[in-house]
Amino acid sequence: MILYHGSFLEIVKPDLAHSRPNVDFGRGFYVTPLYEQAAKWCGKFKRRGKDGIISRYEYDESQENELKTLKFDSYSEEWLDFILNCRSGKDSTDYDLVVGGVANDKVFNTVELFFDGLIDKAEAINRLRYEKPNLQICFRTEKALSLLHFEGSETL
């Protein structure tokens, strides 16, 4: 499977040292099978006057069964709880790989309303069910990263 990472630089050797805490699926290296999603991720760097660079990887799915994986097929109560724990720094899980929807701008607004206690979980899930998830994959361990192989990059 081909996966993409949007940044302001080419990333030949992904690592965990440069990942940020308190994001959707916790500390890790984020990629997507959706080229358009990676291009959107580049947008924030381009708006700051930097290059937008999409790095491309081959992901060896044949060994995925050796990884502890969490997959969310849709925005759900479980997804919302996991995002809440990760973003608030309370995630203590040991998943190698987490796969699921991106909290894009529209989704993020709903998530923020829930985090701030302005809507309850039922209302948040009700609003999210109308959103089509973009897919992100978070490689959270070195073991998982070993299955990613750099193929090249392009500047937008």
N, C-alpha and C. Protein backbone atom coordinates (compact mmCIF):
# COMPACT_ATOMS: atom_id res chain seq x y z
N MET A 1 0.86 -1.17 0.00
CA MET A 1 0.00 0.00 0.00
C MET A 1 0.90 1.24 0.00
N ILE A 2 0.54 2.24 -0.80
CA ILE A 2 1.28 3.50 -0.83
C ILE A 2 0.65 4.45 0.18
N LEU A 3 1.50 5.09 0.99
CA LEU A 3 1.07 6.04 2.00
C LEU A 3 1.84 7.34 1.82
N TYR A 4 1.23 8.44 2.24
CA TYR A 4 1.80 9.77 2.05
C TYR A 4 1.89 10.53 3.37
N HIS A 5 2.93 11.38 3.45
CA HIS A 5 3.11 12.26 4.61
C HIS A 5 3.34 13.67 4.10
N GLY A 6 2.54 14.62 4.56
CA GLY A 6 2.70 16.02 4.16
C GLY A 6 3.46 16.80 5.20
N SER A 7 4.49 17.54 4.74
CA SER A 7 5.34 18.30 5.65
C SER A 7 5.98 19.46 4.89
N PHE A 8 7.00 20.07 5.48
CA PHE A 8 7.76 21.12 4.81
C PHE A 8 9.13 20.61 4.40
N LEU A 9 9.39 19.32 4.68
CA LEU A 9 10.65 18.71 4.29
C LEU A 9 10.46 17.25 3.92
N GLU A 10 11.40 16.73 3.17
CA GLU A 10 11.37 15.33 2.79
C GLU A 10 11.76 14.50 4.02
N ILE A 11 11.03 13.43 4.28
CA ILE A 11 11.35 12.58 5.42
C ILE A 11 11.68 11.19 4.91
N VAL A 12 12.98 10.95 4.76
CA VAL A 12 13.47 9.67 4.24
C VAL A 12 13.37 8.59 5.30
N LYS A 13 13.72 8.96 6.53
CA LYS A 13 13.72 7.99 7.64
C LYS A 13 12.80 8.50 8.75
N PRO A 14 11.52 8.11 8.70
CA PRO A 14 10.59 8.56 9.75
C PRO A 14 11.05 8.08 11.13
N ASP A 15 10.85 8.94 12.12
CA ASP A 15 11.17 8.56 13.50
C ASP A 15 10.09 9.07 14.43
N LEU A 16 10.20 8.70 15.68
CA LEU A 16 9.23 9.14 16.68
C LEU A 16 9.73 10.34 17.47
N ALA A 17 11.02 10.63 17.35
CA ALA A 17 11.61 11.72 18.13
C ALA A 17 11.03 13.08 17.77
N HIS A 18 10.60 13.25 16.53
CA HIS A 18 10.08 14.54 16.09
C HIS A 18 8.56 14.66 16.16
N SER A 19 7.92 13.64 16.69
CA SER A 19 6.45 13.68 16.74
C SER A 19 5.97 14.51 17.92
N ARG A 20 4.80 15.09 17.74
CA ARG A 20 4.21 15.93 18.78
C ARG A 20 3.31 15.10 19.69
N PRO A 21 3.28 15.41 20.97
CA PRO A 21 2.32 14.76 21.87
C PRO A 21 0.96 15.43 21.74
N ASN A 22 -0.03 14.85 22.33
CA ASN A 22 -1.36 15.46 22.45
C ASN A 22 -2.03 15.77 21.12
N VAL A 23 -1.87 14.86 20.15
CA VAL A 23 -2.59 14.98 18.88
C VAL A 23 -3.55 13.80 18.77
N ASP A 24 -4.31 13.72 17.67
CA ASP A 24 -5.42 12.78 17.53
C ASP A 24 -5.15 11.38 18.10
N PHE A 25 -4.12 10.72 17.59
CA PHE A 25 -3.84 9.34 18.00
C PHE A 25 -2.56 9.24 18.82
N GLY A 26 -2.16 10.34 19.41
CA GLY A 26 -0.98 10.35 20.25
C GLY A 26 0.30 10.55 19.47
N ARG A 27 1.41 10.43 20.17
CA ARG A 27 2.73 10.62 19.57
C ARG A 27 2.95 9.53 18.52
N GLY A 28 3.40 9.94 17.34
CA GLY A 28 3.66 8.98 16.28
C GLY A 28 3.93 9.66 14.96
N PHE A 29 4.15 8.86 13.94
CA PHE A 29 4.38 9.36 12.58
C PHE A 29 3.09 9.13 11.80
N TYR A 30 2.51 10.23 11.30
CA TYR A 30 1.20 10.19 10.66
C TYR A 30 1.32 10.17 9.13
N VAL A 31 0.59 9.26 8.54
CA VAL A 31 0.51 9.15 7.08
C VAL A 31 -0.94 8.91 6.69
N THR A 32 -1.19 8.96 5.39
CA THR A 32 -2.51 8.70 4.85
C THR A 32 -2.39 8.03 3.49
N PRO A 33 -3.34 7.18 3.13
CA PRO A 33 -3.35 6.63 1.78
C PRO A 33 -3.95 7.62 0.78
N LEU A 34 -4.44 8.75 1.26
CA LEU A 34 -5.10 9.75 0.43
C LEU A 34 -4.13 10.89 0.09
N TYR A 35 -3.70 10.94 -1.16
CA TYR A 35 -2.76 11.98 -1.60
C TYR A 35 -3.30 13.37 -1.27
N GLU A 36 -4.60 13.58 -1.52
CA GLU A 36 -5.22 14.88 -1.28
C GLU A 36 -5.13 15.29 0.19
N GLN A 37 -5.25 14.32 1.09
CA GLN A 37 -5.13 14.61 2.52
C GLN A 37 -3.71 15.06 2.85
N ALA A 38 -2.70 14.39 2.30
CA ALA A 38 -1.31 14.80 2.53
C ALA A 38 -1.07 16.20 1.99
N ALA A 39 -1.66 16.51 0.83
CA ALA A 39 -1.52 17.85 0.25
C ALA A 39 -2.14 18.90 1.18
N LYS A 40 -3.27 18.56 1.82
CA LYS A 40 -3.89 19.49 2.78
C LYS A 40 -2.96 19.71 3.97
N TRP A 41 -2.31 18.64 4.44
CA TRP A 41 -1.37 18.77 5.55
C TRP A 41 -0.24 19.72 5.18
N CYS A 42 0.16 19.73 3.91
CA CYS A 42 1.22 20.63 3.44
C CYS A 42 0.76 22.08 3.45
N GLY A 43 -0.54 22.29 3.35
CA GLY A 43 -1.08 23.64 3.26
C GLY A 43 -0.66 24.55 4.39
N LYS A 44 -0.63 24.03 5.61
CA LYS A 44 -0.27 24.90 6.74
C LYS A 44 1.17 25.38 6.64
N PHE A 45 2.05 24.58 6.05
CA PHE A 45 3.45 25.00 5.88
C PHE A 45 3.57 26.01 4.75
N LYS A 46 2.82 25.78 3.69
CA LYS A 46 2.86 26.71 2.55
C LYS A 46 2.33 28.08 2.96
N ARG A 47 1.33 28.11 3.85
CA ARG A 47 0.79 29.38 4.33
C ARG A 47 1.83 30.14 5.17
N ARG A 48 2.81 29.43 5.70
CA ARG A 48 3.88 30.05 6.50
C ARG A 48 5.11 30.37 5.64
N GLY A 49 4.97 30.21 4.31
CA GLY A 49 6.06 30.54 3.41
C GLY A 49 7.08 29.43 3.20
N LYS A 50 6.78 28.23 3.68
CA LYS A 50 7.69 27.10 3.49
C LYS A 50 7.22 26.25 2.32
N ASP A 51 8.07 25.35 1.89
CA ASP A 51 7.67 24.39 0.86
C ASP A 51 6.68 23.40 1.44
N GLY A 52 5.84 22.86 0.59
CA GLY A 52 5.00 21.73 0.94
C GLY A 52 5.60 20.51 0.24
N ILE A 53 5.98 19.53 1.02
CA ILE A 53 6.62 18.33 0.44
C ILE A 53 5.86 17.09 0.88
N ILE A 54 5.49 16.30 -0.11
CA ILE A 54 4.81 15.03 0.16
C ILE A 54 5.82 13.91 0.00
N SER A 55 6.06 13.20 1.10
CA SER A 55 6.92 12.01 1.06
C SER A 55 6.03 10.80 0.85
N ARG A 56 6.50 9.87 0.05
CA ARG A 56 5.73 8.67 -0.34
C ARG A 56 6.43 7.43 0.20
N TYR A 57 5.63 6.50 0.74
CA TYR A 57 6.15 5.28 1.35
C TYR A 57 5.39 4.06 0.85
N GLU A 58 6.09 2.96 0.80
CA GLU A 58 5.46 1.67 0.59
C GLU A 58 5.30 1.06 1.99
N TYR A 59 4.09 0.62 2.28
CA TYR A 59 3.81 0.02 3.58
C TYR A 59 3.62 -1.48 3.38
N ASP A 60 4.41 -2.27 4.09
CA ASP A 60 4.35 -3.72 3.99
C ASP A 60 3.25 -4.26 4.90
N GLU A 61 2.04 -4.37 4.34
CA GLU A 61 0.89 -4.83 5.12
C GLU A 61 0.97 -6.30 5.51
N SER A 62 1.82 -7.06 4.85
CA SER A 62 1.87 -8.51 5.11
C SER A 62 2.29 -8.82 6.54
N GLN A 63 2.96 -7.87 7.20
CA GLN A 63 3.42 -8.10 8.57
C GLN A 63 2.56 -7.36 9.61
N GLU A 64 1.46 -6.76 9.15
CA GLU A 64 0.63 -5.98 10.06
C GLU A 64 0.05 -6.83 11.20
N ASN A 65 -0.15 -8.12 10.94
CA ASN A 65 -0.70 -8.99 11.99
C ASN A 65 0.24 -9.13 13.18
N GLU A 66 1.51 -8.73 13.02
CA GLU A 66 2.47 -8.76 14.13
C GLU A 66 2.39 -7.50 15.00
N LEU A 67 1.58 -6.53 14.55
CA LEU A 67 1.47 -5.27 15.27
C LEU A 67 0.19 -5.24 16.10
N LYS A 68 0.26 -4.56 17.22
CA LYS A 68 -0.94 -4.30 18.01
C LYS A 68 -1.61 -3.08 17.38
N THR A 69 -2.76 -3.32 16.76
CA THR A 69 -3.41 -2.30 15.94
C THR A 69 -4.80 -1.96 16.45
N LEU A 70 -5.12 -0.68 16.40
CA LEU A 70 -6.45 -0.19 16.73
C LEU A 70 -6.99 0.48 15.48
N LYS A 71 -8.17 0.02 15.01
CA LYS A 71 -8.77 0.59 13.81
C LYS A 71 -10.17 1.10 14.12
N PHE A 72 -10.42 2.32 13.65
CA PHE A 72 -11.75 2.92 13.75
C PHE A 72 -12.31 3.02 12.34
N ASP A 73 -13.42 2.33 12.08
CA ASP A 73 -14.02 2.34 10.75
C ASP A 73 -14.89 3.57 10.52
N SER A 74 -15.24 4.26 11.60
CA SER A 74 -16.08 5.45 11.48
C SER A 74 -15.85 6.31 12.72
N TYR A 75 -16.40 7.53 12.67
CA TYR A 75 -16.41 8.35 13.87
C TYR A 75 -17.40 7.70 14.83
N SER A 76 -16.95 7.41 16.03
CA SER A 76 -17.77 6.68 16.99
C SER A 76 -17.46 7.17 18.39
N GLU A 77 -18.21 6.65 19.34
CA GLU A 77 -17.95 6.99 20.74
C GLU A 77 -16.54 6.55 21.14
N GLU A 78 -16.13 5.36 20.67
CA GLU A 78 -14.78 4.86 20.99
C GLU A 78 -13.71 5.77 20.39
N TRP A 79 -13.93 6.19 19.13
CA TRP A 79 -12.99 7.11 18.46
C TRP A 79 -12.89 8.40 19.26
N LEU A 80 -14.04 8.96 19.64
CA LEU A 80 -14.07 10.22 20.38
C LEU A 80 -13.35 10.10 21.72
N ASP A 81 -13.58 9.00 22.43
CA ASP A 81 -12.91 8.77 23.72
C ASP A 81 -11.39 8.66 23.53
N PHE A 82 -10.98 7.95 22.48
CA PHE A 82 -9.55 7.77 22.23
C PHE A 82 -8.89 9.11 21.91
N ILE A 83 -9.53 9.89 21.03
CA ILE A 83 -9.01 11.22 20.68
C ILE A 83 -8.90 12.10 21.94
N LEU A 84 -9.92 12.07 22.76
CA LEU A 84 -9.93 12.86 23.99
C LEU A 84 -8.75 12.48 24.88
N ASN A 85 -8.54 11.19 25.07
CA ASN A 85 -7.41 10.74 25.90
C ASN A 85 -6.07 11.15 25.32
N CYS A 86 -5.92 10.99 24.01
CA CYS A 86 -4.64 11.33 23.37
C CYS A 86 -4.37 12.83 23.42
N ARG A 87 -5.38 13.62 23.10
CA ARG A 87 -5.20 15.07 23.07
C ARG A 87 -4.99 15.67 24.45
N SER A 88 -5.50 15.00 25.47
CA SER A 88 -5.32 15.51 26.83
C SER A 88 -4.12 14.89 27.53
N GLY A 89 -3.34 14.10 26.80
CA GLY A 89 -2.12 13.51 27.37
C GLY A 89 -2.37 12.36 28.31
N LYS A 90 -3.55 11.74 28.24
CA LYS A 90 -3.90 10.66 29.16
C LYS A 90 -3.88 9.28 28.51
N ASP A 91 -3.36 9.19 27.30
CA ASP A 91 -3.32 7.90 26.61
C ASP A 91 -2.21 7.03 27.21
N SER A 92 -2.58 5.86 27.67
CA SER A 92 -1.58 4.94 28.22
C SER A 92 -1.59 3.61 27.47
N THR A 93 -2.18 3.60 26.28
CA THR A 93 -2.24 2.37 25.49
C THR A 93 -0.90 2.09 24.82
N ASP A 94 -0.72 0.85 24.39
CA ASP A 94 0.55 0.46 23.77
C ASP A 94 0.37 0.00 22.32
N TYR A 95 -0.53 0.63 21.60
CA TYR A 95 -0.75 0.27 20.20
C TYR A 95 0.46 0.64 19.36
N ASP A 96 0.81 -0.24 18.44
CA ASP A 96 1.87 0.05 17.47
C ASP A 96 1.34 0.94 16.35
N LEU A 97 0.07 0.72 16.00
CA LEU A 97 -0.54 1.37 14.84
C LEU A 97 -1.98 1.74 15.19
N VAL A 98 -2.38 2.97 14.84
CA VAL A 98 -3.77 3.39 15.02
C VAL A 98 -4.25 3.94 13.69
N VAL A 99 -5.41 3.46 13.26
CA VAL A 99 -5.97 3.82 11.96
C VAL A 99 -7.37 4.36 12.17
N GLY A 100 -7.66 5.52 11.57
CA GLY A 100 -9.01 6.05 11.70
C GLY A 100 -9.15 7.43 11.11
N GLY A 101 -10.28 8.04 11.38
CA GLY A 101 -10.61 9.34 10.81
C GLY A 101 -9.78 10.47 11.35
N VAL A 102 -9.59 11.47 10.50
CA VAL A 102 -8.88 12.69 10.84
C VAL A 102 -9.87 13.66 11.48
N ALA A 103 -9.44 14.34 12.51
CA ALA A 103 -10.25 15.41 13.07
C ALA A 103 -9.96 16.68 12.27
N ASN A 104 -10.54 16.76 11.05
CA ASN A 104 -10.34 17.94 10.21
C ASN A 104 -11.08 19.13 10.81
N ASP A 105 -11.07 20.28 10.12
CA ASP A 105 -11.63 21.50 10.70
C ASP A 105 -13.07 21.33 11.15
N LYS A 106 -13.91 20.75 10.30
CA LYS A 106 -15.33 20.60 10.64
C LYS A 106 -15.50 19.63 11.81
N VAL A 107 -14.80 18.52 11.74
CA VAL A 107 -14.86 17.51 12.80
C VAL A 107 -14.25 18.08 14.08
N PHE A 108 -13.14 18.80 13.94
CA PHE A 108 -12.44 19.37 15.08
C PHE A 108 -13.37 20.30 15.88
N ASN A 109 -14.19 21.08 15.17
CA ASN A 109 -15.12 21.98 15.85
C ASN A 109 -16.07 21.20 16.75
N THR A 110 -16.59 20.09 16.25
CA THR A 110 -17.48 19.25 17.05
C THR A 110 -16.74 18.65 18.23
N VAL A 111 -15.53 18.16 17.99
CA VAL A 111 -14.72 17.56 19.05
C VAL A 111 -14.43 18.61 20.13
N GLU A 112 -14.10 19.82 19.73
CA GLU A 112 -13.81 20.89 20.69
C GLU A 112 -15.04 21.24 21.53
N LEU A 113 -16.20 21.29 20.88
CA LEU A 113 -17.43 21.55 21.65
C LEU A 113 -17.65 20.48 22.71
N PHE A 114 -17.36 19.23 22.35
CA PHE A 114 -17.49 18.13 23.32
C PHE A 114 -16.44 18.26 24.43
N PHE A 115 -15.18 18.51 24.04
CA PHE A 115 -14.11 18.63 25.03
C PHE A 115 -14.40 19.75 26.03
N ASP A 116 -15.00 20.83 25.53
CA ASP A 116 -15.29 21.98 26.39
C ASP A 116 -16.58 21.83 27.19
N GLY A 117 -17.26 20.69 27.02
CA GLY A 117 -18.48 20.43 27.77
C GLY A 117 -19.70 21.19 27.26
N LEU A 118 -19.63 21.72 26.03
CA LEU A 118 -20.74 22.50 25.49
C LEU A 118 -21.80 21.62 24.82
N ILE A 119 -21.39 20.40 24.42
CA ILE A 119 -22.34 19.40 23.93
C ILE A 119 -21.96 18.07 24.58
N ASP A 120 -22.93 17.18 24.71
CA ASP A 120 -22.62 15.88 25.30
C ASP A 120 -22.14 14.90 24.23
N LYS A 121 -21.73 13.73 24.66
CA LYS A 121 -21.17 12.74 23.76
C LYS A 121 -22.19 12.32 22.70
N ALA A 122 -23.43 12.13 23.09
CA ALA A 122 -24.47 11.71 22.15
C ALA A 122 -24.64 12.74 21.03
N GLU A 123 -24.63 14.02 21.38
CA GLU A 123 -24.77 15.08 20.38
C GLU A 123 -23.53 15.12 19.47
N ALA A 124 -22.36 14.94 20.05
CA ALA A 124 -21.13 14.94 19.25
C ALA A 124 -21.16 13.81 18.22
N ILE A 125 -21.52 12.61 18.65
CA ILE A 125 -21.59 11.46 17.74
C ILE A 125 -22.66 11.70 16.68
N ASN A 126 -23.78 12.27 17.08
CA ASN A 126 -24.85 12.56 16.13
C ASN A 126 -24.35 13.52 15.03
N ARG A 127 -23.60 14.53 15.41
CA ARG A 127 -23.05 15.48 14.42
C ARG A 127 -21.99 14.82 13.54
N LEU A 128 -21.17 13.98 14.13
CA LEU A 128 -20.06 13.37 13.39
C LEU A 128 -20.54 12.32 12.38
N ARG A 129 -21.69 11.74 12.60
CA ARG A 129 -22.14 10.67 11.71
C ARG A 129 -22.39 11.17 10.30
N TYR A 130 -22.53 12.48 10.13
CA TYR A 130 -22.74 13.06 8.80
C TYR A 130 -21.43 13.36 8.08
N GLU A 131 -20.33 13.23 8.77
CA GLU A 131 -19.02 13.53 8.19
C GLU A 131 -18.36 12.27 7.64
N LYS A 132 -17.82 12.37 6.44
CA LYS A 132 -17.09 11.25 5.85
C LYS A 132 -15.64 11.35 6.34
N PRO A 133 -15.15 10.35 7.04
CA PRO A 133 -13.79 10.45 7.58
C PRO A 133 -12.72 10.42 6.49
N ASN A 134 -11.74 11.30 6.63
CA ASN A 134 -10.49 11.15 5.89
C ASN A 134 -9.64 10.21 6.73
N LEU A 135 -8.80 9.46 6.09
CA LEU A 135 -8.08 8.41 6.81
C LEU A 135 -6.67 8.84 7.18
N GLN A 136 -6.32 8.61 8.44
CA GLN A 136 -4.94 8.81 8.89
C GLN A 136 -4.48 7.53 9.57
N ILE A 137 -3.19 7.28 9.46
CA ILE A 137 -2.58 6.12 10.09
C ILE A 137 -1.42 6.64 10.92
N CYS A 138 -1.40 6.28 12.18
CA CYS A 138 -0.36 6.72 13.09
C CYS A 138 0.53 5.54 13.46
N PHE A 139 1.80 5.62 13.06
CA PHE A 139 2.81 4.63 13.41
C PHE A 139 3.42 5.08 14.73
N ARG A 140 3.12 4.34 15.80
CA ARG A 140 3.46 4.79 17.14
C ARG A 140 4.69 4.11 17.74
N THR A 141 5.24 3.11 17.07
CA THR A 141 6.42 2.42 17.60
C THR A 141 7.45 2.21 16.50
N GLU A 142 8.67 1.97 16.90
CA GLU A 142 9.75 1.66 15.93
C GLU A 142 9.42 0.38 15.17
N LYS A 143 8.81 -0.56 15.85
CA LYS A 143 8.41 -1.81 15.21
C LYS A 143 7.48 -1.53 14.03
N ALA A 144 6.50 -0.66 14.24
CA ALA A 144 5.57 -0.30 13.17
C ALA A 144 6.29 0.47 12.07
N LEU A 145 7.15 1.41 12.45
CA LEU A 145 7.88 2.21 11.45
C LEU A 145 8.76 1.35 10.55
N SER A 146 9.21 0.21 11.06
CA SER A 146 10.08 -0.65 10.25
C SER A 146 9.36 -1.21 9.02
N LEU A 147 8.04 -1.11 8.99
CA LEU A 147 7.26 -1.61 7.86
C LEU A 147 7.03 -0.54 6.79
N LEU A 148 7.52 0.67 7.02
CA LEU A 148 7.41 1.78 6.06
C LEU A 148 8.72 1.90 5.30
N HIS A 149 8.64 1.98 3.98
CA HIS A 149 9.85 2.10 3.15
C HIS A 149 9.71 3.31 2.23
N PHE A 150 10.64 4.26 2.38
CA PHE A 150 10.62 5.51 1.62
C PHE A 150 10.75 5.22 0.13
N GLU A 151 9.87 5.85 -0.66
CA GLU A 151 9.86 5.66 -2.12
C GLU A 151 10.27 6.93 -2.86
N GLY A 152 10.14 8.09 -2.24
CA GLY A 152 10.45 9.34 -2.90
C GLY A 152 9.59 10.46 -2.35
N SER A 153 9.77 11.67 -2.94
CA SER A 153 9.00 12.82 -2.50
C SER A 153 8.80 13.78 -3.65
N GLU A 154 7.89 14.73 -3.43
CA GLU A 154 7.67 15.79 -4.41
C GLU A 154 7.33 17.08 -3.69
N THR A 155 7.74 18.18 -4.28
CA THR A 155 7.44 19.50 -3.74
C THR A 155 6.20 20.04 -4.41
N LEU A 156 5.27 20.55 -3.63
CA LEU A 156 4.04 21.12 -4.19
C LEU A 156 4.25 22.59 -4.55
